Amino acid sequence: MFSQNNMAKTIKKFFSNHKRLNAYKKKIEVFPWIIGTHAFLSILIIISLEIILGMLLFSNYALLVKFKEPKNVVAPVKLQENTYKMVLDSLQSRENIFNNFLNENYRDPFQ
C-alpha cells in the first residue's frame, strides 16, 4: 500500500499545510486586536454603515414605491362556466354521499 517514502512525503505535506494554516491564523488573530485598540473608530464605522444600509433599504422599499406609478396590467377575469359547473356538481355529489352516510342505520357491533 504505502511505502515509507510515500508516507514520509504525505506527513511532510500535511505539516507544511499546517504551517500555512498557522500563518493565516496568526494574521486573523491580529484583526480583533486592531478593532479593540481602535474601538471608538470601529464602532463609528459600523454604525455609519448600518445607517447607510438602512437608508438604502428604506429608499428602495418605501420612498420609491410612492413615486413610481404602478402599471395597470390587470386583465379582466374570465370565468370558465364549464369548469365551474363541474366543481359544483362534484361538491354536490360529495354532500349527497355525506348526507346518505348520516341517514343510514348501522348495527351496533358491541351488542
PDB file of N, CA and C in Angstrom:
ATOM      1  N   MET A   1       0.813  -1.181   0.000  1.00  0.00           N
ATOM      2  CA  MET A   1       0.000   0.000   0.000  1.00  0.00           C
ATOM      3  C   MET A   1       0.863   1.255   0.000  1.00  0.00           C
ATOM      4  N   PHE A   2       1.237   1.696   1.199  1.00  0.00           N
ATOM      5  CA  PHE A   2       2.087   2.883   1.317  1.00  0.00           C
ATOM      6  C   PHE A   2       3.505   2.437   1.612  1.00  0.00           C
ATOM      7  N   SER A   3       4.404   2.997   0.874  1.00  0.00           N
ATOM      8  CA  SER A   3       5.796   2.737   1.200  1.00  0.00           C
ATOM      9  C   SER A   3       6.255   3.792   2.204  1.00  0.00           C
ATOM     10  N   GLN A   4       7.385   3.580   2.778  1.00  0.00           N
ATOM     11  CA  GLN A   4       7.921   4.510   3.772  1.00  0.00           C
ATOM     12  C   GLN A   4       8.134   5.892   3.153  1.00  0.00           C
ATOM     13  N   ASN A   5       8.595   5.909   1.902  1.00  0.00           N
ATOM     14  CA  ASN A   5       8.886   7.163   1.221  1.00  0.00           C
ATOM     15  C   ASN A   5       7.598   7.970   0.983  1.00  0.00           C
ATOM     16  N   ASN A   6       6.561   7.284   0.493  1.00  0.00           N
ATOM     17  CA  ASN A   6       5.288   7.975   0.243  1.00  0.00           C
ATOM     18  C   ASN A   6       4.675   8.476   1.543  1.00  0.00           C
ATOM     19  N   MET A   7       4.801   7.677   2.592  1.00  0.00           N
ATOM     20  CA  MET A   7       4.240   8.068   3.875  1.00  0.00           C
ATOM     21  C   MET A   7       4.957   9.298   4.420  1.00  0.00           C
ATOM     22  N   ALA A   8       6.253   9.335   4.273  1.00  0.00           N
ATOM     23  CA  ALA A   8       7.022  10.487   4.747  1.00  0.00           C
ATOM     24  C   ALA A   8       6.637  11.742   3.958  1.00  0.00           C
ATOM     25  N   LYS A   9       6.420  11.583   2.661  1.00  0.00           N
ATOM     26  CA  LYS A   9       6.023  12.727   1.842  1.00  0.00           C
ATOM     27  C   LYS A   9       4.661  13.272   2.262  1.00  0.00           C
ATOM     28  N   THR A  10       3.721  12.363   2.528  1.00  0.00           N
ATOM     29  CA  THR A  10       2.392  12.833   2.926  1.00  0.00           C
ATOM     30  C   THR A  10       2.436  13.508   4.288  1.00  0.00           C
ATOM     31  N   ILE A  11       3.261  13.001   5.192  1.00  0.00           N
ATOM     32  CA  ILE A  11       3.390  13.636   6.513  1.00  0.00           C
ATOM     33  C   ILE A  11       4.001  15.023   6.376  1.00  0.00           C
ATOM     34  N   LYS A  12       5.048  15.153   5.541  1.00  0.00           N
ATOM     35  CA  LYS A  12       5.660  16.464   5.328  1.00  0.00           C
ATOM     36  C   LYS A  12       4.662  17.435   4.679  1.00  0.00           C
ATOM     37  N   LYS A  13       3.876  16.912   3.731  1.00  0.00           N
ATOM     38  CA  LYS A  13       2.893  17.743   3.061  1.00  0.00           C
ATOM     39  C   LYS A  13       1.842  18.239   4.051  1.00  0.00           C
ATOM     40  N   PHE A  14       1.385  17.355   4.943  1.00  0.00           N
ATOM     41  CA  PHE A  14       0.387  17.731   5.941  1.00  0.00           C
ATOM     42  C   PHE A  14       0.924  18.815   6.858  1.00  0.00           C
ATOM     43  N   PHE A  15       2.143  18.637   7.336  1.00  0.00           N
ATOM     44  CA  PHE A  15       2.675  19.624   8.264  1.00  0.00           C
ATOM     45  C   PHE A  15       3.034  20.930   7.574  1.00  0.00           C
ATOM     46  N   SER A  16       3.370  20.890   6.293  1.00  0.00           N
ATOM     47  CA  SER A  16       3.623  22.151   5.589  1.00  0.00           C
ATOM     48  C   SER A  16       2.309  22.919   5.426  1.00  0.00           C
ATOM     49  N   ASN A  17       1.212  22.218   5.147  1.00  0.00           N
ATOM     50  CA  ASN A  17      -0.096  22.877   5.086  1.00  0.00           C
ATOM     51  C   ASN A  17      -0.495  23.397   6.460  1.00  0.00           C
ATOM     52  N   HIS A  18      -0.134  22.666   7.491  1.00  0.00           N
ATOM     53  CA  HIS A  18      -0.441  23.067   8.859  1.00  0.00           C
ATOM     54  C   HIS A  18       0.300  24.365   9.209  1.00  0.00           C
ATOM     55  N   LYS A  19       1.532  24.495   8.724  1.00  0.00           N
ATOM     56  CA  LYS A  19       2.283  25.727   8.964  1.00  0.00           C
ATOM     57  C   LYS A  19       1.616  26.905   8.250  1.00  0.00           C
ATOM     58  N   ARG A  20       1.108  26.669   7.044  1.00  0.00           N
ATOM     59  CA  ARG A  20       0.404  27.720   6.320  1.00  0.00           C
ATOM     60  C   ARG A  20      -0.858  28.129   7.070  1.00  0.00           C
ATOM     61  N   LEU A  21      -1.576  27.145   7.599  1.00  0.00           N
ATOM     62  CA  LEU A  21      -2.784  27.452   8.358  1.00  0.00           C
ATOM     63  C   LEU A  21      -2.453  28.261   9.602  1.00  0.00           C
ATOM     64  N   ASN A  22      -1.347  27.935  10.257  1.00  0.00           N
ATOM     65  CA  ASN A  22      -0.938  28.710  11.435  1.00  0.00           C
ATOM     66  C   ASN A  22      -0.593  30.142  11.060  1.00  0.00           C
ATOM     67  N   ALA A  23       0.018  30.329   9.891  1.00  0.00           N
ATOM     68  CA  ALA A  23       0.341  31.689   9.444  1.00  0.00           C
ATOM     69  C   ALA A  23      -0.937  32.479   9.200  1.00  0.00           C
ATOM     70  N   TYR A  24      -1.931  31.864   8.553  1.00  0.00           N
ATOM     71  CA  TYR A  24      -3.214  32.543   8.350  1.00  0.00           C
ATOM     72  C   TYR A  24      -3.901  32.822   9.675  1.00  0.00           C
ATOM     73  N   LYS A  25      -3.792  31.863  10.586  1.00  0.00           N
ATOM     74  CA  LYS A  25      -4.419  32.019  11.891  1.00  0.00           C
ATOM     75  C   LYS A  25      -3.807  33.206  12.640  1.00  0.00           C
ATOM     76  N   LYS A  26      -2.526  33.364  12.544  1.00  0.00           N
ATOM     77  CA  LYS A  26      -1.862  34.494  13.221  1.00  0.00           C
ATOM     78  C   LYS A  26      -2.297  35.822  12.604  1.00  0.00           C
ATOM     79  N   LYS A  27      -2.473  35.839  11.266  1.00  0.00           N
ATOM     80  CA  LYS A  27      -2.922  37.065  10.614  1.00  0.00           C
ATOM     81  C   LYS A  27      -4.357  37.399  11.025  1.00  0.00           C
ATOM     82  N   ILE A  28      -5.189  36.377  11.140  1.00  0.00           N
ATOM     83  CA  ILE A  28      -6.578  36.593  11.522  1.00  0.00           C
ATOM     84  C   ILE A  28      -6.686  37.016  12.982  1.00  0.00           C
ATOM     85  N   GLU A  29      -5.804  36.504  13.835  1.00  0.00           N
ATOM     86  CA  GLU A  29      -5.844  36.858  15.252  1.00  0.00           C
ATOM     87  C   GLU A  29      -5.498  38.328  15.486  1.00  0.00           C
ATOM     88  N   VAL A  30      -4.794  38.947  14.571  1.00  0.00           N
ATOM     89  CA  VAL A  30      -4.406  40.344  14.712  1.00  0.00           C
ATOM     90  C   VAL A  30      -5.614  41.263  14.501  1.00  0.00           C
ATOM     91  N   PHE A  31      -6.548  40.852  13.666  1.00  0.00           N
ATOM     92  CA  PHE A  31      -7.693  41.683  13.313  1.00  0.00           C
ATOM     93  C   PHE A  31      -8.530  42.097  14.525  1.00  0.00           C
ATOM     94  N   PRO A  32      -8.932  41.196  15.432  1.00  0.00           N
ATOM     95  CA  PRO A  32      -9.682  41.658  16.615  1.00  0.00           C
ATOM     96  C   PRO A  32      -8.895  42.615  17.499  1.00  0.00           C
ATOM     97  N   TRP A  33      -7.572  42.441  17.564  1.00  0.00           N
ATOM     98  CA  TRP A  33      -6.763  43.365  18.371  1.00  0.00           C
ATOM     99  C   TRP A  33      -6.774  44.761  17.769  1.00  0.00           C
ATOM    100  N   ILE A  34      -6.742  44.831  16.450  1.00  0.00           N
ATOM    101  CA  ILE A  34      -6.793  46.142  15.791  1.00  0.00           C
ATOM    102  C   ILE A  34      -8.135  46.809  16.073  1.00  0.00           C
ATOM    103  N   ILE A  35      -9.213  46.034  15.962  1.00  0.00           N
ATOM    104  CA  ILE A  35     -10.540  46.587  16.251  1.00  0.00           C
ATOM    105  C   ILE A  35     -10.633  47.012  17.711  1.00  0.00           C
ATOM    106  N   GLY A  36     -10.061  46.223  18.611  1.00  0.00           N
ATOM    107  CA  GLY A  36     -10.110  46.550  20.039  1.00  0.00           C
ATOM    108  C   GLY A  36      -9.325  47.798  20.390  1.00  0.00           C
ATOM    109  N   THR A  37      -8.195  47.999  19.752  1.00  0.00           N
ATOM    110  CA  THR A  37      -7.402  49.184  20.068  1.00  0.00           C
ATOM    111  C   THR A  37      -8.042  50.454  19.510  1.00  0.00           C
ATOM    112  N   HIS A  38      -8.771  50.313  18.421  1.00  0.00           N
ATOM    113  CA  HIS A  38      -9.468  51.457  17.819  1.00  0.00           C
ATOM    114  C   HIS A  38     -10.980  51.239  17.941  1.00  0.00           C
ATOM    115  N   ALA A  39     -11.428  50.998  19.148  1.00  0.00           N
ATOM    116  CA  ALA A  39     -12.825  50.614  19.383  1.00  0.00           C
ATOM    117  C   ALA A  39     -13.793  51.726  18.985  1.00  0.00           C
ATOM    118  N   PHE A  40     -13.517  52.929  19.378  1.00  0.00           N
ATOM    119  CA  PHE A  40     -14.435  54.034  19.085  1.00  0.00           C
ATOM    120  C   PHE A  40     -14.577  54.246  17.584  1.00  0.00           C
ATOM    121  N   LEU A  41     -13.457  54.245  16.889  1.00  0.00           N
ATOM    122  CA  LEU A  41     -13.487  54.429  15.442  1.00  0.00           C
ATOM    123  C   LEU A  41     -14.213  53.276  14.751  1.00  0.00           C
ATOM    124  N   SER A  42     -13.973  52.042  15.208  1.00  0.00           N
ATOM    125  CA  SER A  42     -14.627  50.894  14.575  1.00  0.00           C
ATOM    126  C   SER A  42     -16.131  50.915  14.830  1.00  0.00           C
ATOM    127  N   ILE A  43     -16.563  51.334  16.016  1.00  0.00           N
ATOM    128  CA  ILE A  43     -17.997  51.430  16.300  1.00  0.00           C
ATOM    129  C   ILE A  43     -18.630  52.514  15.434  1.00  0.00           C
ATOM    130  N   LEU A  44     -17.957  53.640  15.264  1.00  0.00           N
ATOM    131  CA  LEU A  44     -18.476  54.693  14.391  1.00  0.00           C
ATOM    132  C   LEU A  44     -18.619  54.211  12.951  1.00  0.00           C
ATOM    133  N   ILE A  45     -17.641  53.470  12.485  1.00  0.00           N
ATOM    134  CA  ILE A  45     -17.698  52.947  11.112  1.00  0.00           C
ATOM    135  C   ILE A  45     -18.857  51.967  10.967  1.00  0.00           C
ATOM    136  N   ILE A  46     -19.024  51.077  11.931  1.00  0.00           N
ATOM    137  CA  ILE A  46     -20.105  50.080  11.859  1.00  0.00           C
ATOM    138  C   ILE A  46     -21.468  50.762  11.910  1.00  0.00           C
ATOM    139  N   ILE A  47     -21.634  51.729  12.799  1.00  0.00           N
ATOM    140  CA  ILE A  47     -22.918  52.427  12.898  1.00  0.00           C
ATOM    141  C   ILE A  47     -23.210  53.211  11.625  1.00  0.00           C
ATOM    142  N   SER A  48     -22.201  53.864  11.063  1.00  0.00           N
ATOM    143  CA  SER A  48     -22.435  54.617   9.825  1.00  0.00           C
ATOM    144  C   SER A  48     -22.791  53.674   8.675  1.00  0.00           C
ATOM    145  N   LEU A  49     -22.161  52.506   8.600  1.00  0.00           N
ATOM    146  CA  LEU A  49     -22.520  51.537   7.568  1.00  0.00           C
ATOM    147  C   LEU A  49     -23.954  51.042   7.744  1.00  0.00           C
ATOM    148  N   GLU A  50     -24.365  50.829   8.991  1.00  0.00           N
ATOM    149  CA  GLU A  50     -25.750  50.403   9.249  1.00  0.00           C
ATOM    150  C   GLU A  50     -26.744  51.486   8.851  1.00  0.00           C
ATOM    151  N   ILE A  51     -26.418  52.734   9.137  1.00  0.00           N
ATOM    152  CA  ILE A  51     -27.316  53.835   8.768  1.00  0.00           C
ATOM    153  C   ILE A  51     -27.417  53.948   7.256  1.00  0.00           C
ATOM    154  N   ILE A  52     -26.299  53.845   6.572  1.00  0.00           N
ATOM    155  CA  ILE A  52     -26.312  53.928   5.103  1.00  0.00           C
ATOM    156  C   ILE A  52     -27.119  52.779   4.514  1.00  0.00           C
ATOM    157  N   LEU A  53     -26.915  51.584   5.027  1.00  0.00           N
ATOM    158  CA  LEU A  53     -27.664  50.427   4.531  1.00  0.00           C
ATOM    159  C   LEU A  53     -29.157  50.587   4.809  1.00  0.00           C
ATOM    160  N   GLY A  54     -29.497  51.088   5.986  1.00  0.00           N
ATOM    161  CA  GLY A  54     -30.899  51.326   6.311  1.00  0.00           C
ATOM    162  C   GLY A  54     -31.527  52.363   5.410  1.00  0.00           C
ATOM    163  N   MET A  55     -30.786  53.419   5.099  1.00  0.00           N
ATOM    164  CA  MET A  55     -31.302  54.451   4.197  1.00  0.00           C
ATOM    165  C   MET A  55     -31.524  53.882   2.804  1.00  0.00           C
ATOM    166  N   LEU A  56     -30.612  53.049   2.332  1.00  0.00           N
ATOM    167  CA  LEU A  56     -30.783  52.446   1.010  1.00  0.00           C
ATOM    168  C   LEU A  56     -32.009  51.542   0.971  1.00  0.00           C
ATOM    169  N   LEU A  57     -32.166  50.729   1.978  1.00  0.00           N
ATOM    170  CA  LEU A  57     -33.331  49.847   2.019  1.00  0.00           C
ATOM    171  C   LEU A  57     -34.623  50.641   2.119  1.00  0.00           C
ATOM    172  N   PHE A  58     -34.628  51.663   2.944  1.00  0.00           N
ATOM    173  CA  PHE A  58     -35.827  52.496   3.089  1.00  0.00           C
ATOM    174  C   PHE A  58     -36.167  53.187   1.787  1.00  0.00           C
ATOM    175  N   SER A  59     -35.153  53.714   1.113  1.00  0.00           N
ATOM    176  CA  SER A  59     -35.432  54.418  -0.139  1.00  0.00           C
ATOM    177  C   SER A  59     -35.929  53.456  -1.209  1.00  0.00           C
ATOM    178  N   ASN A  60     -35.401  52.244  -1.234  1.00  0.00           N
ATOM    179  CA  ASN A  60     -35.833  51.288  -2.254  1.00  0.00           C
ATOM    180  C   ASN A  60     -37.243  50.781  -1.998  1.00  0.00           C
ATOM    181  N   TYR A  61     -37.575  50.501  -0.765  1.00  0.00           N
ATOM    182  CA  TYR A  61     -38.837  49.823  -0.486  1.00  0.00           C
ATOM    183  C   TYR A  61     -39.941  50.730   0.037  1.00  0.00           C
ATOM    184  N   ALA A  62     -39.664  51.951   0.394  1.00  0.00           N
ATOM    185  CA  ALA A  62     -40.717  52.821   0.914  1.00  0.00           C
ATOM    186  C   ALA A  62     -40.891  54.065   0.054  1.00  0.00           C
ATOM    187  N   LEU A  63     -39.820  54.771  -0.220  1.00  0.00           N
ATOM    188  CA  LEU A  63     -39.948  56.038  -0.946  1.00  0.00           C
ATOM    189  C   LEU A  63     -40.171  55.836  -2.436  1.00  0.00           C
ATOM    190  N   LEU A  64     -39.433  54.927  -3.052  1.00  0.00           N
ATOM    191  CA  LEU A  64     -39.569  54.753  -4.495  1.00  0.00           C
ATOM    192  C   LEU A  64     -40.919  54.168  -4.878  1.00  0.00           C
ATOM    193  N   VAL A  65     -41.535  53.439  -3.968  1.00  0.00           N
ATOM    194  CA  VAL A  65     -42.854  52.884  -4.251  1.00  0.00           C
ATOM    195  C   VAL A  65     -43.880  53.993  -4.380  1.00  0.00           C
ATOM    196  N   LYS A  66     -43.749  55.044  -3.585  1.00  0.00           N
ATOM    197  CA  LYS A  66     -44.697  56.157  -3.646  1.00  0.00           C
ATOM    198  C   LYS A  66     -44.530  56.960  -4.933  1.00  0.00           C
ATOM    199  N   PHE A  67     -43.313  57.112  -5.391  1.00  0.00           N
ATOM    200  CA  PHE A  67     -43.061  57.960  -6.554  1.00  0.00           C
ATOM    201  C   PHE A  67     -43.282  57.231  -7.877  1.00  0.00           C
ATOM    202  N   LYS A  68     -43.074  55.953  -7.907  1.00  0.00           N
ATOM    203  CA  LYS A  68     -43.290  55.188  -9.131  1.00  0.00           C
ATOM    204  C   LYS A  68     -44.757  54.818  -9.222  1.00  0.00           C
ATOM    205  N   GLU A  69     -45.333  55.072 -10.371  1.00  0.00           N
ATOM    206  CA  GLU A  69     -46.725  54.696 -10.568  1.00  0.00           C
ATOM    207  C   GLU A  69     -46.778  53.256 -11.065  1.00  0.00           C
ATOM    208  N   PRO A  70     -47.605  52.456 -10.442  1.00  0.00           N
ATOM    209  CA  PRO A  70     -47.686  51.061 -10.888  1.00  0.00           C
ATOM    210  C   PRO A  70     -48.374  50.965 -12.246  1.00  0.00           C
ATOM    211  N   LYS A  71     -47.938  50.013 -13.004  1.00  0.00           N
ATOM    212  CA  LYS A  71     -48.542  49.781 -14.308  1.00  0.00           C
ATOM    213  C   LYS A  71     -49.800  48.941 -14.109  1.00  0.00           C
ATOM    214  N   ASN A  72     -50.896  49.399 -14.676  1.00  0.00           N
ATOM    215  CA  ASN A  72     -52.151  48.661 -14.570  1.00  0.00           C
ATOM    216  C   ASN A  72     -52.222  47.644 -15.698  1.00  0.00           C
ATOM    217  N   VAL A  73     -51.829  46.448 -15.378  1.00  0.00           N
ATOM    218  CA  VAL A  73     -51.831  45.377 -16.364  1.00  0.00           C
ATOM    219  C   VAL A  73     -52.821  44.301 -15.915  1.00  0.00           C
ATOM    220  N   VAL A  74     -53.891  44.728 -15.319  1.00  0.00           N
ATOM    221  CA  VAL A  74     -54.874  43.785 -14.812  1.00  0.00           C
ATOM    222  C   VAL A  74     -55.842  43.436 -15.940  1.00  0.00           C
ATOM    223  N   ALA A  75     -55.857  42.179 -16.298  1.00  0.00           N
ATOM    224  CA  ALA A  75     -56.780  41.712 -17.327  1.00  0.00           C
ATOM    225  C   ALA A  75     -58.080  41.287 -16.650  1.00  0.00           C
ATOM    226  N   PRO A  76     -59.185  41.462 -17.322  1.00  0.00           N
ATOM    227  CA  PRO A  76     -60.444  41.031 -16.708  1.00  0.00           C
ATOM    228  C   PRO A  76     -60.460  39.514 -16.512  1.00  0.00           C
ATOM    229  N   VAL A  77     -61.045  39.107 -15.409  1.00  0.00           N
ATOM    230  CA  VAL A  77     -61.095  37.697 -15.081  1.00  0.00           C
ATOM    231  C   VAL A  77     -62.229  37.048 -15.861  1.00  0.00           C
ATOM    232  N   LYS A  78     -61.908  35.974 -16.558  1.00  0.00           N
ATOM    233  CA  LYS A  78     -62.920  35.246 -17.319  1.00  0.00           C
ATOM    234  C   LYS A  78     -63.224  33.952 -16.575  1.00  0.00           C
ATOM    235  N   LEU A  79     -64.487  33.762 -16.275  1.00  0.00           N
ATOM    236  CA  LEU A  79     -64.915  32.578 -15.561  1.00  0.00           C
ATOM    237  C   LEU A  79     -65.273  31.502 -16.569  1.00  0.00           C
ATOM    238  N   GLN A  80     -64.667  30.352 -16.426  1.00  0.00           N
ATOM    239  CA  GLN A  80     -64.987  29.230 -17.297  1.00  0.00           C
ATOM    240  C   GLN A  80     -66.171  28.500 -16.681  1.00  0.00           C
ATOM    241  N   GLU A  81     -67.306  28.664 -17.302  1.00  0.00           N
ATOM    242  CA  GLU A  81     -68.540  28.146 -16.724  1.00  0.00           C
ATOM    243  C   GLU A  81     -68.573  26.628 -16.687  1.00  0.00           C
ATOM    244  N   ASN A  82     -67.981  25.981 -17.673  1.00  0.00           N
ATOM    245  CA  ASN A  82     -67.976  24.512 -17.685  1.00  0.00           C
ATOM    246  C   ASN A  82     -67.220  23.967 -16.477  1.00  0.00           C
ATOM    247  N   THR A  83     -66.082  24.544 -16.216  1.00  0.00           N
ATOM    248  CA  THR A  83     -65.285  24.109 -15.066  1.00  0.00           C
ATOM    249  C   THR A  83     -66.005  24.421 -13.770  1.00  0.00           C
ATOM    250  N   TYR A  84     -66.625  25.576 -13.714  1.00  0.00           N
ATOM    251  CA  TYR A  84     -67.371  25.959 -12.508  1.00  0.00           C
ATOM    252  C   TYR A  84     -68.520  24.992 -12.247  1.00  0.00           C
ATOM    253  N   LYS A  85     -69.239  24.611 -13.298  1.00  0.00           N
ATOM    254  CA  LYS A  85     -70.348  23.655 -13.144  1.00  0.00           C
ATOM    255  C   LYS A  85     -69.834  22.285 -12.705  1.00  0.00           C
ATOM    256  N   MET A  86     -68.687  21.875 -13.237  1.00  0.00           N
ATOM    257  CA  MET A  86     -68.119  20.575 -12.851  1.00  0.00           C
ATOM    258  C   MET A  86     -67.752  20.574 -11.373  1.00  0.00           C
ATOM    259  N   VAL A  87     -67.181  21.661 -10.896  1.00  0.00           N
ATOM    260  CA  VAL A  87     -66.793  21.761  -9.485  1.00  0.00           C
ATOM    261  C   VAL A  87     -68.036  21.749  -8.604  1.00  0.00           C
ATOM    262  N   LEU A  88     -69.061  22.486  -8.993  1.00  0.00           N
ATOM    263  CA  LEU A  88     -70.305  22.498  -8.214  1.00  0.00           C
ATOM    264  C   LEU A  88     -70.957  21.120  -8.184  1.00  0.00           C
ATOM    265  N   ASP A  89     -70.931  20.406  -9.318  1.00  0.00           N
ATOM    266  CA  ASP A  89     -71.505  19.063  -9.359  1.00  0.00           C
ATOM    267  C   ASP A  89     -70.745  18.102  -8.457  1.00  0.00           C
ATOM    268  N   SER A  90     -69.414  18.200  -8.469  1.00  0.00           N
ATOM    269  CA  SER A  90     -68.626  17.305  -7.605  1.00  0.00           C
ATOM    270  C   SER A  90     -68.868  17.620  -6.132  1.00  0.00           C
ATOM    271  N   LEU A  91     -68.990  18.885  -5.793  1.00  0.00           N
ATOM    272  CA  LEU A  91     -69.281  19.237  -4.399  1.00  0.00           C
ATOM    273  C   LEU A  91     -70.671  18.762  -3.987  1.00  0.00           C
ATOM    274  N   GLN A  92     -71.636  18.868  -4.890  1.00  0.00           N
ATOM    275  CA  GLN A  92     -72.991  18.401  -4.597  1.00  0.00           C
ATOM    276  C   GLN A  92     -73.014  16.890  -4.404  1.00  0.00           C
ATOM    277  N   SER A  93     -72.264  16.166  -5.230  1.00  0.00           N
ATOM    278  CA  SER A  93     -72.231  14.702  -5.089  1.00  0.00           C
ATOM    279  C   SER A  93     -71.559  14.305  -3.775  1.00  0.00           C
ATOM    280  N   ARG A  94     -70.518  14.994  -3.368  1.00  0.00           N
ATOM    281  CA  ARG A  94     -69.876  14.706  -2.077  1.00  0.00           C
ATOM    282  C   ARG A  94     -70.825  14.989  -0.919  1.00  0.00           C
ATOM    283  N   GLU A  95     -71.568  16.066  -1.026  1.00  0.00           N
ATOM    284  CA  GLU A  95     -72.514  16.398   0.031  1.00  0.00           C
ATOM    285  C   GLU A  95     -73.617  15.348   0.113  1.00  0.00           C
ATOM    286  N   ASN A  96     -74.082  14.853  -1.038  1.00  0.00           N
ATOM    287  CA  ASN A  96     -75.092  13.802  -1.052  1.00  0.00           C
ATOM    288  C   ASN A  96     -74.563  12.520  -0.404  1.00  0.00           C
ATOM    289  N   ILE A  97     -73.326  12.161  -0.716  1.00  0.00           N
ATOM    290  CA  ILE A  97     -72.724  10.970  -0.109  1.00  0.00           C
ATOM    291  C   ILE A  97     -72.639  11.141   1.405  1.00  0.00           C
ATOM    292  N   PHE A  98     -72.243  12.291   1.841  1.00  0.00           N
ATOM    293  CA  PHE A  98     -72.131  12.553   3.280  1.00  0.00           C
ATOM    294  C   PHE A  98     -73.492  12.488   3.963  1.00  0.00           C
ATOM    295  N   ASN A  99     -74.490  13.081   3.357  1.00  0.00           N
ATOM    296  CA  ASN A  99     -75.835  13.057   3.939  1.00  0.00           C
ATOM    297  C   ASN A  99     -76.404  11.646   3.971  1.00  0.00           C
ATOM    298  N   ASN A 100     -76.162  10.852   2.922  1.00  0.00           N
ATOM    299  CA  ASN A 100     -76.639   9.466   2.902  1.00  0.00           C
ATOM    300  C   ASN A 100     -75.933   8.635   3.970  1.00  0.00           C
ATOM    301  N   PHE A 101     -74.720   8.924   4.221  1.00  0.00           N
ATOM    302  CA  PHE A 101     -73.968   8.193   5.230  1.00  0.00           C
ATOM    303  C   PHE A 101     -74.557   8.450   6.610  1.00  0.00           C
ATOM    304  N   LEU A 102     -74.958   9.671   6.885  1.00  0.00           N
ATOM    305  CA  LEU A 102     -75.534  10.002   8.190  1.00  0.00           C
ATOM    306  C   LEU A 102     -76.919   9.411   8.369  1.00  0.00           C
ATOM    307  N   ASN A 103     -77.670   9.228   7.302  1.00  0.00           N
ATOM    308  CA  ASN A 103     -79.039   8.729   7.395  1.00  0.00           C
ATOM    309  C   ASN A 103     -79.106   7.216   7.557  1.00  0.00           C
ATOM    310  N   GLU A 104     -78.074   6.515   7.186  1.00  0.00           N
ATOM    311  CA  GLU A 104     -78.106   5.057   7.291  1.00  0.00           C
ATOM    312  C   GLU A 104     -77.984   4.631   8.747  1.00  0.00           C
ATOM    313  N   ASN A 105     -78.688   3.559   9.080  1.00  0.00           N
ATOM    314  CA  ASN A 105     -78.611   2.993  10.423  1.00  0.00           C
ATOM    315  C   ASN A 105     -77.725   1.749  10.382  1.00  0.00           C
ATOM    316  N   TYR A 106     -76.759   1.737  11.236  1.00  0.00           N
ATOM    317  CA  TYR A 106     -75.834   0.615  11.282  1.00  0.00           C
ATOM    318  C   TYR A 106     -76.068  -0.177  12.550  1.00  0.00           C
ATOM    319  N   ARG A 107     -75.757  -1.454  12.486  1.00  0.00           N
ATOM    320  CA  ARG A 107     -75.882  -2.315  13.646  1.00  0.00           C
ATOM    321  C   ARG A 107     -74.804  -1.978  14.658  1.00  0.00           C
ATOM    322  N   ASP A 108     -75.143  -2.100  15.921  1.00  0.00           N
ATOM    323  CA  ASP A 108     -74.167  -1.854  16.977  1.00  0.00           C
ATOM    324  C   ASP A 108     -73.314  -3.109  17.139  1.00  0.00           C
ATOM    325  N   PRO A 109     -72.008  -3.067  16.883  1.00  0.00           N
ATOM    326  CA  PRO A 109     -71.182  -4.269  16.954  1.00  0.00           C
ATOM    327  C   PRO A 109     -70.920  -4.746  18.391  1.00  0.00           C
ATOM    328  N   PHE A 110     -71.271  -3.966  19.384  1.00  0.00           N
ATOM    329  CA  PHE A 110     -70.976  -4.328  20.764  1.00  0.00           C
ATOM    330  C   PHE A 110     -72.161  -4.984  21.474  1.00  0.00           C
ATOM    331  N   GLN A 111     -73.238  -5.270  20.773  1.00  0.00           N
ATOM    332  CA  GLN A 111     -74.388  -5.920  21.417  1.00  0.00           C
ATOM    333  C   GLN A 111     -74.435  -7.384  21.095  1.00  0.00           C
TER     334      GLN A 111
END
